[in-house]
C-alpha atoms as a PDB file:
ATOM      1  CA  MET A   1       0.000   0.000   0.000  1.00  0.00           C
ATOM      2  CA  SER A   2       1.532   3.290  -1.036  1.00  0.00           C
ATOM      3  CA  LEU A   3       1.876   6.322   1.176  1.00  0.00           C
ATOM      4  CA  VAL A   4      -0.385   8.344  -1.117  1.00  0.00           C
ATOM      5  CA  SER A   5      -3.253   5.875  -0.758  1.00  0.00           C
ATOM      6  CA  ILE A   6      -2.838   5.871   3.032  1.00  0.00           C
ATOM      7  CA  VAL A   7      -3.002   9.668   3.142  1.00  0.00           C
ATOM      8  CA  ILE A   8      -6.049   9.721   0.860  1.00  0.00           C
ATOM      9  CA  ALA A   9      -7.794   7.131   3.040  1.00  0.00           C
ATOM     10  CA  LEU A  10      -7.047   9.172   6.183  1.00  0.00           C
ATOM     11  CA  ILE A  11      -8.411  12.321   4.541  1.00  0.00           C
ATOM     12  CA  VAL A  12     -11.594  10.528   3.458  1.00  0.00           C
ATOM     13  CA  VAL A  13     -12.160   9.060   6.923  1.00  0.00           C
ATOM     14  CA  GLY A  14     -11.495  12.440   8.523  1.00  0.00           C
ATOM     15  CA  VAL A  15     -13.941  14.244   6.244  1.00  0.00           C
ATOM     16  CA  LEU A  16     -16.619  11.573   6.794  1.00  0.00           C
ATOM     17  CA  LEU A  17     -16.164  11.782  10.568  1.00  0.00           C
ATOM     18  CA  TRP A  18     -16.336  15.569  10.414  1.00  0.00           C
ATOM     19  CA  LEU A  19     -19.545  15.401   8.344  1.00  0.00           C
ATOM     20  CA  ILE A  20     -21.110  12.958  10.801  1.00  0.00           C
ATOM     21  CA  ASN A  21     -20.111  15.088  13.800  1.00  0.00           C
ATOM     22  CA  THR A  22     -21.347  18.293  12.177  1.00  0.00           C
ATOM     23  CA  TYR A  23     -24.597  17.340  10.479  1.00  0.00           C
ATOM     24  CA  ILE A  24     -26.010  14.389  12.437  1.00  0.00           C
ATOM     25  CA  PRO A  25     -27.450  15.432  15.784  1.00  0.00           C
ATOM     26  CA  MET A  26     -26.390  13.082  18.572  1.00  0.00           C
ATOM     27  CA  ASP A  27     -25.545  13.153  22.244  1.00  0.00           C
ATOM     28  CA  THR A  28     -21.996  14.178  23.120  1.00  0.00           C
ATOM     29  CA  LYS A  29     -21.345  10.835  24.846  1.00  0.00           C
ATOM     30  CA  ILE A  30     -22.290   8.911  21.707  1.00  0.00           C
ATOM     31  CA  ARG A  31     -20.209  11.296  19.591  1.00  0.00           C
ATOM     32  CA  SER A  32     -17.138  10.806  21.772  1.00  0.00           C
ATOM     33  CA  ILE A  33     -17.568   7.007  21.707  1.00  0.00           C
ATOM     34  CA  LEU A  34     -17.866   7.095  17.903  1.00  0.00           C
ATOM     35  CA  ASN A  35     -14.760   9.275  17.602  1.00  0.00           C
ATOM     36  CA  GLY A  36     -12.820   6.986  19.942  1.00  0.00           C
ATOM     37  CA  VAL A  37     -13.788   3.852  18.040  1.00  0.00           C
ATOM     38  CA  VAL A  38     -12.813   5.434  14.722  1.00  0.00           C
ATOM     39  CA  VAL A  39      -9.443   6.560  16.118  1.00  0.00           C
ATOM     40  CA  ILE A  40      -8.703   3.075  17.511  1.00  0.00           C
ATOM     41  CA  ILE A  41      -9.624   1.436  14.205  1.00  0.00           C
ATOM     42  CA  ILE A  42      -7.440   3.903  12.271  1.00  0.00           C
ATOM     43  CA  ILE A  43      -4.482   3.309  14.613  1.00  0.00           C
ATOM     44  CA  LEU A  44      -4.808  -0.465  14.242  1.00  0.00           C
ATOM     45  CA  TRP A  45      -5.094  -0.125  10.457  1.00  0.00           C
ATOM     46  CA  LEU A  46      -2.008   2.102  10.291  1.00  0.00           C
ATOM     47  CA  LEU A  47      -0.002  -0.296  12.463  1.00  0.00           C
ATOM     48  CA  GLN A  48      -0.965  -3.126  10.156  1.00  0.00           C
ATOM     49  CA  ALA A  49      -0.283  -1.083   7.005  1.00  0.00           C
ATOM     50  CA  PHE A  50       3.244  -0.190   8.150  1.00  0.00           C
ATOM     51  CA  GLY A  51       3.971  -3.749   9.261  1.00  0.00           C
ATOM     52  CA  VAL A  52       4.352  -2.977  12.954  1.00  0.00           C
ATOM     53  CA  MET A  53       1.523  -5.320  13.806  1.00  0.00           C
ATOM     54  CA  GLY A  54       0.927  -8.641  12.069  1.00  0.00           C
ATOM     55  CA  THR A  55      -2.203  -9.485  10.167  1.00  0.00           C
ATOM     56  CA  LEU A  56      -5.475  -9.206  11.990  1.00  0.00           C
ATOM     57  CA  ASN A  57      -6.708 -12.532  10.592  1.00  0.00           C
ATOM     58  CA  ASN A  58      -5.290 -14.430  13.557  1.00  0.00           C
ATOM     59  CA  VAL A  59      -7.128 -12.349  16.129  1.00  0.00           C
ATOM     60  CA  GLY A  60      -9.985 -14.310  17.648  1.00  0.00           C
ATOM     61  CA  VAL A  61     -12.251 -14.408  20.638  1.00  0.00           C
ATOM     62  CA  SER A  62     -11.750 -17.362  22.954  1.00  0.00           C
ATOM     63  CA  ARG A  63     -14.740 -19.152  24.362  1.00  0.00           C
END
């Protein structure tokens, strides 16, 4: 994955999150949870894209 495509993806996600936060009325607690989840997902995706973290296919939930 090239650096340009990573930057474009981050810009798209940022604009979508900004649009959701600006134009969809929701409680501030729900908004902060949504922002936190998006940030965590982006961090995990970036770690995987740069090879710091292995593939996420092996991550599972034990029973």
